[in-house]
PDB file of N, CA and C in Angstrom:
ATOM      1  N   UNK A   1      46.820  34.829  22.250  1.00  0.00           N
ATOM      2  CA  UNK A   1      46.387  33.699  23.048  1.00  0.00           C
ATOM      3  C   UNK A   1      45.445  32.827  22.213  1.00  0.00           C
ATOM      4  N   UNK A   2      45.714  31.537  22.239  1.00  0.00           N
ATOM      5  CA  UNK A   2      44.911  30.581  21.482  1.00  0.00           C
ATOM      6  C   UNK A   2      43.740  30.125  22.350  1.00  0.00           C
ATOM      7  N   UNK A   3      42.519  30.191  21.783  1.00  0.00           N
ATOM      8  CA  UNK A   3      41.312  29.913  22.563  1.00  0.00           C
ATOM      9  C   UNK A   3      40.740  28.543  22.225  1.00  0.00           C
ATOM     10  N   UNK A   4      41.563  27.494  22.204  1.00  0.00           N
ATOM     11  CA  UNK A   4      41.089  26.160  21.808  1.00  0.00           C
ATOM     12  C   UNK A   4      40.496  25.391  22.975  1.00  0.00           C
ATOM     13  N   UNK A   5      40.629  25.868  24.192  1.00  0.00           N
ATOM     14  CA  UNK A   5      40.117  25.118  25.341  1.00  0.00           C
ATOM     15  C   UNK A   5      38.630  25.350  25.559  1.00  0.00           C
ATOM     16  N   UNK A   6      38.086  26.339  24.938  1.00  0.00           N
ATOM     17  CA  UNK A   6      36.657  26.624  25.114  1.00  0.00           C
ATOM     18  C   UNK A   6      35.811  25.660  24.284  1.00  0.00           C
ATOM     19  N   UNK A   7      34.683  25.230  24.836  1.00  0.00           N
ATOM     20  CA  UNK A   7      33.787  24.403  24.021  1.00  0.00           C
ATOM     21  C   UNK A   7      33.149  25.252  22.924  1.00  0.00           C
ATOM     22  N   UNK A   8      32.653  24.604  21.897  1.00  0.00           N
ATOM     23  CA  UNK A   8      32.008  25.384  20.839  1.00  0.00           C
ATOM     24  C   UNK A   8      30.788  26.112  21.405  1.00  0.00           C
ATOM     25  N   UNK A   9      30.441  27.215  20.818  1.00  0.00           N
ATOM     26  CA  UNK A   9      29.306  27.973  21.359  1.00  0.00           C
ATOM     27  C   UNK A   9      28.001  27.182  21.231  1.00  0.00           C
ATOM     28  N   UNK A  10      27.156  27.364  22.216  1.00  0.00           N
ATOM     29  CA  UNK A  10      25.856  26.681  22.190  1.00  0.00           C
ATOM     30  C   UNK A  10      24.994  27.289  21.100  1.00  0.00           C
ATOM     31  N   UNK A  11      24.140  26.478  20.509  1.00  0.00           N
ATOM     32  CA  UNK A  11      23.282  27.051  19.471  1.00  0.00           C
ATOM     33  C   UNK A  11      22.342  28.091  20.071  1.00  0.00           C
ATOM     34  N   UNK A  12      22.115  29.100  19.319  1.00  0.00           N
ATOM     35  CA  UNK A  12      21.202  30.144  19.779  1.00  0.00           C
ATOM     36  C   UNK A  12      19.778  29.622  19.696  1.00  0.00           C
ATOM     37  N   UNK A  13      18.885  30.342  20.299  1.00  0.00           N
ATOM     38  CA  UNK A  13      17.489  29.928  20.289  1.00  0.00           C
ATOM     39  C   UNK A  13      16.959  29.870  18.863  1.00  0.00           C
ATOM     40  N   UNK A  14      17.338  30.846  18.050  1.00  0.00           N
ATOM     41  CA  UNK A  14      16.844  30.839  16.672  1.00  0.00           C
ATOM     42  C   UNK A  14      17.397  29.637  15.909  1.00  0.00           C
ATOM     43  N   UNK A  15      18.643  29.243  16.207  1.00  0.00           N
ATOM     44  CA  UNK A  15      19.222  28.064  15.558  1.00  0.00           C
ATOM     45  C   UNK A  15      18.504  26.803  16.032  1.00  0.00           C
ATOM     46  N   UNK A  16      18.204  26.742  17.326  1.00  0.00           N
ATOM     47  CA  UNK A  16      17.483  25.586  17.861  1.00  0.00           C
ATOM     48  C   UNK A  16      16.093  25.493  17.234  1.00  0.00           C
ATOM     49  N   UNK A  17      15.445  26.626  17.080  1.00  0.00           N
ATOM     50  CA  UNK A  17      14.123  26.641  16.456  1.00  0.00           C
ATOM     51  C   UNK A  17      14.237  26.207  15.002  1.00  0.00           C
ATOM     52  N   UNK A  18      15.281  26.674  14.318  1.00  0.00           N
ATOM     53  CA  UNK A  18      15.483  26.290  12.920  1.00  0.00           C
ATOM     54  C   UNK A  18      15.724  24.786  12.810  1.00  0.00           C
ATOM     55  N   UNK A  19      16.524  24.226  13.720  1.00  0.00           N
ATOM     56  CA  UNK A  19      16.776  22.780  13.707  1.00  0.00           C
ATOM     57  C   UNK A  19      15.492  22.000  13.983  1.00  0.00           C
ATOM     58  N   UNK A  20      14.706  22.489  14.946  1.00  0.00           N
ATOM     59  CA  UNK A  20      13.441  21.819  15.249  1.00  0.00           C
ATOM     60  C   UNK A  20      12.507  21.859  14.041  1.00  0.00           C
ATOM     61  N   UNK A  21      12.422  23.012  13.406  1.00  0.00           N
ATOM     62  CA  UNK A  21      11.558  23.138  12.230  1.00  0.00           C
ATOM     63  C   UNK A  21      12.032  22.235  11.100  1.00  0.00           C
ATOM     64  N   UNK A  22      13.353  22.134  10.956  1.00  0.00           N
ATOM     65  CA  UNK A  22      13.913  21.257   9.923  1.00  0.00           C
ATOM     66  C   UNK A  22      13.552  19.799  10.209  1.00  0.00           C
ATOM     67  N   UNK A  23      13.648  19.405  11.484  1.00  0.00           N
ATOM     68  CA  UNK A  23      13.296  18.031  11.863  1.00  0.00           C
ATOM     69  C   UNK A  23      11.810  17.778  11.629  1.00  0.00           C
ATOM     70  N   UNK A  24      10.981  18.743  11.995  1.00  0.00           N
ATOM     71  CA  UNK A  24       9.536  18.590  11.779  1.00  0.00           C
ATOM     72  C   UNK A  24       9.245  18.441  10.296  1.00  0.00           C
ATOM     73  N   UNK A  25       9.914  19.260   9.494  1.00  0.00           N
ATOM     74  CA  UNK A  25       9.697  19.196   8.047  1.00  0.00           C
ATOM     75  C   UNK A  25      10.147  17.845   7.494  1.00  0.00           C
ATOM     76  N   UNK A  26      11.308  17.357   7.970  1.00  0.00           N
ATOM     77  CA  UNK A  26      11.825  16.081   7.492  1.00  0.00           C
ATOM     78  C   UNK A  26      10.879  14.945   7.879  1.00  0.00           C
ATOM     79  N   UNK A  27      10.448  14.929   9.150  1.00  0.00           N
ATOM     80  CA  UNK A  27       9.542  13.868   9.578  1.00  0.00           C
ATOM     81  C   UNK A  27       8.193  13.992   8.892  1.00  0.00           C
ATOM     82  N   UNK A  28       7.753  15.207   8.635  1.00  0.00           N
ATOM     83  CA  UNK A  28       6.514  15.405   7.888  1.00  0.00           C
ATOM     84  C   UNK A  28       6.623  14.828   6.490  1.00  0.00           C
ATOM     85  N   UNK A  29       7.778  15.025   5.869  1.00  0.00           N
ATOM     86  CA  UNK A  29       8.016  14.482   4.529  1.00  0.00           C
ATOM     87  C   UNK A  29       7.999  12.957   4.568  1.00  0.00           C
ATOM     88  N   UNK A  30       8.677  12.381   5.580  1.00  0.00           N
ATOM     89  CA  UNK A  30       8.685  10.921   5.718  1.00  0.00           C
ATOM     90  C   UNK A  30       7.272  10.400   5.979  1.00  0.00           C
ATOM     91  N   UNK A  31       6.511  11.134   6.784  1.00  0.00           N
ATOM     92  CA  UNK A  31       5.127  10.737   7.061  1.00  0.00           C
ATOM     93  C   UNK A  31       4.304  10.754   5.778  1.00  0.00           C
ATOM     94  N   UNK A  32       4.472  11.802   4.974  1.00  0.00           N
ATOM     95  CA  UNK A  32       3.749  11.882   3.699  1.00  0.00           C
ATOM     96  C   UNK A  32       4.123  10.718   2.786  1.00  0.00           C
ATOM     97  N   UNK A  33       5.425  10.399   2.739  1.00  0.00           N
ATOM     98  CA  UNK A  33       5.866   9.262   1.923  1.00  0.00           C
ATOM     99  C   UNK A  33       5.240   7.959   2.417  1.00  0.00           C
ATOM    100  N   UNK A  34       5.235   7.776   3.743  1.00  0.00           N
ATOM    101  CA  UNK A  34       4.659   6.552   4.308  1.00  0.00           C
ATOM    102  C   UNK A  34       3.164   6.467   3.999  1.00  0.00           C
ATOM    103  N   UNK A  35       2.463   7.597   4.100  1.00  0.00           N
ATOM    104  CA  UNK A  35       1.021   7.601   3.793  1.00  0.00           C
ATOM    105  C   UNK A  35       0.777   7.293   2.319  1.00  0.00           C
ATOM    106  N   UNK A  36       1.598   7.867   1.447  1.00  0.00           N
ATOM    107  CA  UNK A  36       1.460   7.586   0.016  1.00  0.00           C
ATOM    108  C   UNK A  36       1.696   6.109  -0.275  1.00  0.00           C
ATOM    109  N   UNK A  37       2.725   5.543   0.357  1.00  0.00           N
ATOM    110  CA  UNK A  37       3.036   4.125   0.143  1.00  0.00           C
ATOM    111  C   UNK A  37       1.900   3.243   0.668  1.00  0.00           C
ATOM    112  N   UNK A  38       1.351   3.614   1.820  1.00  0.00           N
ATOM    113  CA  UNK A  38       0.240   2.851   2.377  1.00  0.00           C
ATOM    114  C   UNK A  38      -0.963   2.891   1.442  1.00  0.00           C
ATOM    115  N   UNK A  39      -1.257   4.055   0.894  1.00  0.00           N
ATOM    116  CA  UNK A  39      -2.378   4.174  -0.050  1.00  0.00           C
ATOM    117  C   UNK A  39      -2.122   3.322  -1.287  1.00  0.00           C
ATOM    118  N   UNK A  40      -0.867   3.326  -1.747  1.00  0.00           N
ATOM    119  CA  UNK A  40      -0.503   2.520  -2.917  1.00  0.00           C
ATOM    120  C   UNK A  40      -0.682   1.027  -2.625  1.00  0.00           C
ATOM    121  N   UNK A  41      -0.232   0.597  -1.442  1.00  0.00           N
ATOM    122  CA  UNK A  41      -0.370  -0.813  -1.064  1.00  0.00           C
ATOM    123  C   UNK A  41      -1.839  -1.202  -0.911  1.00  0.00           C
ATOM    124  N   UNK A  42      -2.640  -0.298  -0.351  1.00  0.00           N
ATOM    125  CA  UNK A  42      -4.077  -0.589  -0.229  1.00  0.00           C
ATOM    126  C   UNK A  42      -4.711  -0.736  -1.601  1.00  0.00           C
ATOM    127  N   UNK A  43      -4.314   0.130  -2.524  1.00  0.00           N
ATOM    128  CA  UNK A  43      -4.848   0.051  -3.884  1.00  0.00           C
ATOM    129  C   UNK A  43      -4.452  -1.277  -4.528  1.00  0.00           C
ATOM    130  N   UNK A  44      -3.184  -1.673  -4.342  1.00  0.00           N
ATOM    131  CA  UNK A  44      -2.731  -2.952  -4.894  1.00  0.00           C
ATOM    132  C   UNK A  44      -3.505  -4.114  -4.278  1.00  0.00           C
ATOM    133  N   UNK A  45      -3.750  -4.044  -2.969  1.00  0.00           N
ATOM    134  CA  UNK A  45      -4.501  -5.112  -2.302  1.00  0.00           C
ATOM    135  C   UNK A  45      -5.930  -5.152  -2.825  1.00  0.00           C
ATOM    136  N   UNK A  46      -6.538  -3.973  -3.013  1.00  0.00           N
ATOM    137  CA  UNK A  46      -7.898  -3.932  -3.560  1.00  0.00           C
ATOM    138  C   UNK A  46      -7.929  -4.525  -4.961  1.00  0.00           C
ATOM    139  N   UNK A  47      -6.920  -4.172  -5.766  1.00  0.00           N
ATOM    140  CA  UNK A  47      -6.845  -4.702  -7.130  1.00  0.00           C
ATOM    141  C   UNK A  47      -6.671  -6.214  -7.098  1.00  0.00           C
ATOM    142  N   UNK A  48      -5.783  -6.685  -6.230  1.00  0.00           N
ATOM    143  CA  UNK A  48      -5.550  -8.130  -6.119  1.00  0.00           C
ATOM    144  C   UNK A  48      -6.818  -8.843  -5.667  1.00  0.00           C
ATOM    145  N   UNK A  49      -7.537  -8.238  -4.717  1.00  0.00           N
ATOM    146  CA  UNK A  49      -8.787  -8.845  -4.248  1.00  0.00           C
ATOM    147  C   UNK A  49      -9.810  -8.907  -5.369  1.00  0.00           C
ATOM    148  N   UNK A  50      -9.924  -7.812  -6.123  1.00  0.00           N
ATOM    149  CA  UNK A  50     -10.873  -7.803  -7.244  1.00  0.00           C
ATOM    150  C   UNK A  50     -10.509  -8.867  -8.269  1.00  0.00           C
ATOM    151  N   UNK A  51      -9.222  -8.986  -8.583  1.00  0.00           N
ATOM    152  CA  UNK A  51      -8.793  -9.997  -9.556  1.00  0.00           C
ATOM    153  C   UNK A  51      -9.071 -11.405  -9.041  1.00  0.00           C
ATOM    154  N   UNK A  52      -8.810 -11.622  -7.747  1.00  0.00           N
ATOM    155  CA  UNK A  52      -9.065 -12.937  -7.160  1.00  0.00           C
ATOM    156  C   UNK A  52     -10.558 -13.267  -7.226  1.00  0.00           C
ATOM    157  N   UNK A  53     -11.398 -12.293  -6.911  1.00  0.00           N
ATOM    158  CA  UNK A  53     -12.847 -12.525  -6.977  1.00  0.00           C
ATOM    159  C   UNK A  53     -13.305 -12.755  -8.409  1.00  0.00           C
ATOM    160  N   UNK A  54     -12.708 -12.021  -9.346  1.00  0.00           N
ATOM    161  CA  UNK A  54     -13.067 -12.204 -10.751  1.00  0.00           C
ATOM    162  C   UNK A  54     -12.692 -13.605 -11.223  1.00  0.00           C
ATOM    163  N   UNK A  55     -11.483 -14.062 -10.838  1.00  0.00           N
ATOM    164  CA  UNK A  55     -11.071 -15.419 -11.208  1.00  0.00           C
ATOM    165  C   UNK A  55     -12.008 -16.459 -10.595  1.00  0.00           C
ATOM    166  N   UNK A  56     -12.403 -16.255  -9.338  1.00  0.00           N
ATOM    167  CA  UNK A  56     -13.327 -17.193  -8.687  1.00  0.00           C
ATOM    168  C   UNK A  56     -14.676 -17.192  -9.403  1.00  0.00           C
ATOM    169  N   UNK A  57     -15.152 -16.020  -9.788  1.00  0.00           N
ATOM    170  CA  UNK A  57     -16.433 -15.945 -10.507  1.00  0.00           C
ATOM    171  C   UNK A  57     -16.337 -16.669 -11.842  1.00  0.00           C
ATOM    172  N   UNK A  58     -15.208 -16.513 -12.516  1.00  0.00           N
ATOM    173  CA  UNK A  58     -15.026 -17.215 -13.793  1.00  0.00           C
ATOM    174  C   UNK A  58     -14.997 -18.725 -13.586  1.00  0.00           C
ATOM    175  N   UNK A  59     -14.332 -19.164 -12.502  1.00  0.00           N
ATOM    176  CA  UNK A  59     -14.308 -20.604 -12.202  1.00  0.00           C
ATOM    177  C   UNK A  59     -15.725 -21.128 -11.974  1.00  0.00           C
ATOM    178  N   UNK A  60     -16.514 -20.399 -11.193  1.00  0.00           N
ATOM    179  CA  UNK A  60     -17.891 -20.833 -10.938  1.00  0.00           C
ATOM    180  C   UNK A  60     -18.716 -20.798 -12.212  1.00  0.00           C
ATOM    181  N   UNK A  61     -18.471 -19.828 -13.068  1.00  0.00           N
ATOM    182  CA  UNK A  61     -19.199 -19.769 -14.347  1.00  0.00           C
ATOM    183  C   UNK A  61     -18.851 -20.983 -15.207  1.00  0.00           C
ATOM    184  N   UNK A  62     -17.558 -21.363 -15.222  1.00  0.00           N
ATOM    185  CA  UNK A  62     -17.154 -22.564 -15.975  1.00  0.00           C
ATOM    186  C   UNK A  62     -17.813 -23.808 -15.398  1.00  0.00           C
ATOM    187  N   UNK A  63     -17.829 -23.924 -14.063  1.00  0.00           N
ATOM    188  CA  UNK A  63     -18.463 -25.084 -13.430  1.00  0.00           C
ATOM    189  C   UNK A  63     -19.949 -25.140 -13.772  1.00  0.00           C
ATOM    190  N   UNK A  64     -20.598 -23.981 -13.731  1.00  0.00           N
ATOM    191  CA  UNK A  64     -22.032 -23.943 -14.060  1.00  0.00           C
ATOM    192  C   UNK A  64     -22.260 -24.342 -15.511  1.00  0.00           C
ATOM    193  N   UNK A  65     -21.391 -23.864 -16.401  1.00  0.00           N
ATOM    194  CA  UNK A  65     -21.525 -24.211 -17.825  1.00  0.00           C
ATOM    195  C   UNK A  65     -21.319 -25.709 -18.035  1.00  0.00           C
ATOM    196  N   UNK A  66     -20.314 -26.284 -17.368  1.00  0.00           N
ATOM    197  CA  UNK A  66     -20.084 -27.734 -17.491  1.00  0.00           C
ATOM    198  C   UNK A  66     -21.272 -28.516 -16.939  1.00  0.00           C
ATOM    199  N   UNK A  67     -21.813 -28.067 -15.824  1.00  0.00           N
ATOM    200  CA  UNK A  67     -22.977 -28.756 -15.249  1.00  0.00           C
ATOM    201  C   UNK A  67     -24.167 -28.663 -16.199  1.00  0.00           C
ATOM    202  N   UNK A  68     -24.348 -27.500 -16.822  1.00  0.00           N
ATOM    203  CA  UNK A  68     -25.445 -27.342 -17.783  1.00  0.00           C
ATOM    204  C   UNK A  68     -25.266 -28.286 -18.965  1.00  0.00           C
ATOM    205  N   UNK A  69     -24.024 -28.385 -19.472  1.00  0.00           N
ATOM    206  CA  UNK A  69     -23.756 -29.291 -20.600  1.00  0.00           C
ATOM    207  C   UNK A  69     -23.984 -30.750 -20.212  1.00  0.00           C
ATOM    208  N   UNK A  70     -23.540 -31.139 -19.012  1.00  0.00           N
ATOM    209  CA  UNK A  70     -23.759 -32.521 -18.555  1.00  0.00           C
ATOM    210  C   UNK A  70     -25.254 -32.814 -18.426  1.00  0.00           C
ATOM    211  N   UNK A  71     -25.990 -31.836 -17.894  1.00  0.00           N
ATOM    212  CA  UNK A  71     -27.440 -32.034 -17.758  1.00  0.00           C
ATOM    213  C   UNK A  71     -28.094 -32.149 -19.131  1.00  0.00           C
ATOM    214  N   UNK A  72     -27.636 -31.343 -20.086  1.00  0.00           N
ATOM    215  CA  UNK A  72     -28.200 -31.417 -21.444  1.00  0.00           C
ATOM    216  C   UNK A  72     -27.882 -32.763 -22.076  1.00  0.00           C
ATOM    217  N   UNK A  73     -26.645 -33.257 -21.877  1.00  0.00           N
ATOM    218  CA  UNK A  73     -26.277 -34.569 -22.426  1.00  0.00           C
ATOM    219  C   UNK A  73     -27.104 -35.680 -21.788  1.00  0.00           C
ATOM    220  N   UNK A  74     -27.265 -35.595 -20.471  1.00  0.00           N
ATOM    221  CA  UNK A  74     -28.049 -36.623 -19.775  1.00  0.00           C
ATOM    222  C   UNK A  74     -29.497 -36.593 -20.246  1.00  0.00           C
ATOM    223  N   UNK A  75     -30.019 -35.401 -20.449  1.00  0.00           N
ATOM    224  CA  UNK A  75     -31.398 -35.270 -20.926  1.00  0.00           C
ATOM    225  C   UNK A  75     -31.529 -35.827 -22.339  1.00  0.00           C
ATOM    226  N   UNK A  76     -30.528 -35.561 -23.181  1.00  0.00           N
ATOM    227  CA  UNK A  76     -30.559 -36.064 -24.561  1.00  0.00           C
ATOM    228  C   UNK A  76     -30.414 -37.580 -24.581  1.00  0.00           C
ATOM    229  N   UNK A  77     -29.636 -38.127 -23.658  1.00  0.00           N
ATOM    230  CA  UNK A  77     -29.435 -39.576 -23.617  1.00  0.00           C
ATOM    231  C   UNK A  77     -30.709 -40.287 -23.203  1.00  0.00           C
ATOM    232  N   UNK A  78     -31.517 -39.650 -22.384  1.00  0.00           N
ATOM    233  CA  UNK A  78     -32.755 -40.267 -21.914  1.00  0.00           C
ATOM    234  C   UNK A  78     -33.793 -40.278 -23.017  1.00  0.00           C
ATOM    235  N   UNK A  79     -33.785 -39.286 -23.880  1.00  0.00           N
ATOM    236  CA  UNK A  79     -34.820 -39.200 -24.935  1.00  0.00           C
ATOM    237  C   UNK A  79     -34.755 -40.332 -25.897  1.00  0.00           C
TER     238      UNK A  79
END
C-alpha cells in the first residue's frame, strides 16, 4: 500500500527547538553585523566632523593671517 495521502510528519519538539535556536543565532548574527556597521558609520561621521572642523579652523587661521597682514600694511603706510 502506497502511503502518499498522509501529510509529512510534524516536526518534533527537538526539531522545533533546533529551528528556533538556528533562527535566534541567525538574527543574532545579523544584529551583530548591524551593530558593527553602525559603529563604523559613527566613526566615519566623527572623522568627517573632525575634518570639517579642522578645515574651518584652517580657514579662520588664513583669515586671521590676512587680516594681520592688512593691518601691518596699513600701519606701514601710515608711518
